[in-house]
Amino acid sequence: MQILKAERPRVAANDKNKATPEENAALVQGNNSHFGKVDVDEKAHVITFHIEHAFYPNWEGTIQSRSYTLEGDTFQYLGATTSGGTTIAKVVWKRVQ
């Protein structure tokens, strides 16, 4: 799964290897990805990620569960972000016909 912040600044040099420290920070903070096994408990409306590898290495080897809603073609859940604290990310998936 790859999650990108909807609004991220473009790199002025048009080359990610020439991005400024501030541009790199914005790119890193606007991105998260991980992969592994996913379980869905349809009765309890819970999705569980068994994270094998992640852009944020502190998540590797963890199991994270999220309550979800499914309305029509829209699947969404709230989850903790990698910044810690009480910051919450809203993830929305929409089925494409």
C-alpha atoms as a PDB file:
ATOM      1  CA  MET A   1       0.000   0.000   0.000  1.00  0.00           C
ATOM      2  CA  GLN A   2       1.267   3.444  -0.836  1.00  0.00           C
ATOM      3  CA  ILE A   3      -0.255   6.541   0.679  1.00  0.00           C
ATOM      4  CA  LEU A   4       0.602   9.995  -0.645  1.00  0.00           C
ATOM      5  CA  LYS A   5      -0.486  13.297   0.817  1.00  0.00           C
ATOM      6  CA  ALA A   6      -2.834  14.916  -1.691  1.00  0.00           C
ATOM      7  CA  GLU A   7      -0.971  18.224  -1.715  1.00  0.00           C
ATOM      8  CA  ARG A   8       2.804  17.946  -2.024  1.00  0.00           C
ATOM      9  CA  PRO A   9       5.160  20.612  -3.375  1.00  0.00           C
ATOM     10  CA  ARG A  10       6.837  20.099  -6.716  1.00  0.00           C
ATOM     11  CA  VAL A  11      10.662  19.974  -6.834  1.00  0.00           C
ATOM     12  CA  ALA A  12      11.868  23.243  -8.345  1.00  0.00           C
ATOM     13  CA  ALA A  13      14.910  21.652 -10.067  1.00  0.00           C
ATOM     14  CA  ASN A  14      12.626  19.064 -11.755  1.00  0.00           C
ATOM     15  CA  ASP A  15      15.079  16.375 -10.511  1.00  0.00           C
ATOM     16  CA  LYS A  16      14.449  14.571  -7.212  1.00  0.00           C
ATOM     17  CA  ASN A  17      18.221  14.108  -6.760  1.00  0.00           C
ATOM     18  CA  LYS A  18      18.590  17.919  -6.729  1.00  0.00           C
ATOM     19  CA  ALA A  19      15.750  18.650  -4.289  1.00  0.00           C
ATOM     20  CA  THR A  20      16.480  21.064  -1.467  1.00  0.00           C
ATOM     21  CA  PRO A  21      16.482  19.769   2.132  1.00  0.00           C
ATOM     22  CA  GLU A  22      13.085  21.437   2.629  1.00  0.00           C
ATOM     23  CA  GLU A  23      11.670  19.822  -0.535  1.00  0.00           C
ATOM     24  CA  ASN A  24      12.999  16.411   0.541  1.00  0.00           C
ATOM     25  CA  ALA A  25      11.449  16.809   3.984  1.00  0.00           C
ATOM     26  CA  ALA A  26       8.075  17.656   2.429  1.00  0.00           C
ATOM     27  CA  LEU A  27       8.288  14.637   0.113  1.00  0.00           C
ATOM     28  CA  VAL A  28       9.169  12.260   2.953  1.00  0.00           C
ATOM     29  CA  GLN A  29       6.486  13.653   5.257  1.00  0.00           C
ATOM     30  CA  GLY A  30       3.886  13.374   2.497  1.00  0.00           C
ATOM     31  CA  ASN A  31       4.556   9.689   1.781  1.00  0.00           C
ATOM     32  CA  ASN A  32       4.081   6.376   3.516  1.00  0.00           C
ATOM     33  CA  SER A  33       4.069   2.872   2.157  1.00  0.00           C
ATOM     34  CA  HIS A  34       4.092  -0.645   3.507  1.00  0.00           C
ATOM     35  CA  PHE A  35       3.396  -4.190   2.427  1.00  0.00           C
ATOM     36  CA  GLY A  36       2.534  -7.504   3.982  1.00  0.00           C
ATOM     37  CA  LYS A  37      -0.529  -9.612   4.687  1.00  0.00           C
ATOM     38  CA  VAL A  38      -3.953  -8.003   5.140  1.00  0.00           C
ATOM     39  CA  ASP A  39      -6.931  -9.543   6.932  1.00  0.00           C
ATOM     40  CA  VAL A  40     -10.472  -8.175   6.769  1.00  0.00           C
ATOM     41  CA  ASP A  41     -13.085  -9.056   9.391  1.00  0.00           C
ATOM     42  CA  GLU A  42     -16.299  -8.117   7.594  1.00  0.00           C
ATOM     43  CA  LYS A  43     -18.548  -8.711  10.621  1.00  0.00           C
ATOM     44  CA  ALA A  44     -16.484  -6.516  12.964  1.00  0.00           C
ATOM     45  CA  HIS A  45     -15.570  -4.004  10.206  1.00  0.00           C
ATOM     46  CA  VAL A  46     -11.857  -4.279  11.024  1.00  0.00           C
ATOM     47  CA  ILE A  47      -8.919  -4.363   8.602  1.00  0.00           C
ATOM     48  CA  THR A  48      -5.627  -5.685   9.993  1.00  0.00           C
ATOM     49  CA  PHE A  49      -2.231  -5.063   8.409  1.00  0.00           C
ATOM     50  CA  HIS A  50       0.627  -7.489   9.161  1.00  0.00           C
ATOM     51  CA  ILE A  51       3.434  -5.177   8.077  1.00  0.00           C
ATOM     52  CA  GLU A  52       6.521  -6.901   6.684  1.00  0.00           C
ATOM     53  CA  HIS A  53       8.363  -3.864   5.306  1.00  0.00           C
ATOM     54  CA  ALA A  54       7.565  -0.167   5.434  1.00  0.00           C
ATOM     55  CA  PHE A  55       8.891   3.203   4.317  1.00  0.00           C
ATOM     56  CA  TYR A  56       8.831   4.024   8.057  1.00  0.00           C
ATOM     57  CA  PRO A  57      10.968   1.154   9.419  1.00  0.00           C
ATOM     58  CA  ASN A  58       9.533   1.438  12.944  1.00  0.00           C
ATOM     59  CA  TRP A  59       6.358  -0.176  11.571  1.00  0.00           C
ATOM     60  CA  GLU A  60       8.151  -3.268  10.245  1.00  0.00           C
ATOM     61  CA  GLY A  61       7.036  -6.454  11.974  1.00  0.00           C
ATOM     62  CA  THR A  62       4.014  -4.771  13.562  1.00  0.00           C
ATOM     63  CA  ILE A  63       0.351  -5.690  13.363  1.00  0.00           C
ATOM     64  CA  GLN A  64      -2.040  -2.767  13.055  1.00  0.00           C
ATOM     65  CA  SER A  65      -5.821  -2.947  13.092  1.00  0.00           C
ATOM     66  CA  ARG A  66      -8.233  -0.249  11.983  1.00  0.00           C
ATOM     67  CA  SER A  67     -12.013  -0.003  12.109  1.00  0.00           C
ATOM     68  CA  TYR A  68     -13.443   0.730   8.673  1.00  0.00           C
ATOM     69  CA  THR A  69     -16.650   1.777   6.985  1.00  0.00           C
ATOM     70  CA  LEU A  70     -17.873   0.593   3.610  1.00  0.00           C
ATOM     71  CA  GLU A  71     -20.612   2.642   1.980  1.00  0.00           C
ATOM     72  CA  GLY A  72     -21.351   1.929  -1.672  1.00  0.00           C
ATOM     73  CA  ASP A  73     -18.040   2.100  -3.513  1.00  0.00           C
ATOM     74  CA  THR A  74     -16.212   3.962  -0.714  1.00  0.00           C
ATOM     75  CA  PHE A  75     -14.029   2.170   1.859  1.00  0.00           C
ATOM     76  CA  GLN A  76     -12.444   4.322   4.562  1.00  0.00           C
ATOM     77  CA  TYR A  77     -10.667   4.118   7.879  1.00  0.00           C
ATOM     78  CA  LEU A  78      -8.741   6.297  10.316  1.00  0.00           C
ATOM     79  CA  GLY A  79      -5.248   5.419  11.383  1.00  0.00           C
ATOM     80  CA  ALA A  80      -2.287   6.713  13.314  1.00  0.00           C
ATOM     81  CA  THR A  81       0.379   8.499  11.334  1.00  0.00           C
ATOM     82  CA  THR A  82       4.113   7.925  11.617  1.00  0.00           C
ATOM     83  CA  SER A  83       4.509  11.306  13.347  1.00  0.00           C
ATOM     84  CA  GLY A  84       3.262   9.875  16.640  1.00  0.00           C
ATOM     85  CA  GLY A  85       1.103  11.741  19.088  1.00  0.00           C
ATOM     86  CA  THR A  86      -2.555  12.132  18.336  1.00  0.00           C
ATOM     87  CA  THR A  87      -2.257  12.873  14.616  1.00  0.00           C
ATOM     88  CA  ILE A  88      -4.736  10.797  12.628  1.00  0.00           C
ATOM     89  CA  ALA A  89      -4.762  10.077   8.911  1.00  0.00           C
ATOM     90  CA  LYS A  90      -7.973   9.446   7.000  1.00  0.00           C
ATOM     91  CA  VAL A  91      -7.603   6.851   4.246  1.00  0.00           C
ATOM     92  CA  VAL A  92     -10.295   6.656   1.568  1.00  0.00           C
ATOM     93  CA  TRP A  93     -10.445   4.074  -1.217  1.00  0.00           C
ATOM     94  CA  LYS A  94     -13.031   4.357  -3.950  1.00  0.00           C
ATOM     95  CA  ARG A  95     -13.853   1.505  -6.315  1.00  0.00           C
ATOM     96  CA  VAL A  96     -13.305   2.443  -9.948  1.00  0.00           C
ATOM     97  CA  GLN A  97     -15.731   0.993 -12.466  1.00  0.00           C
END
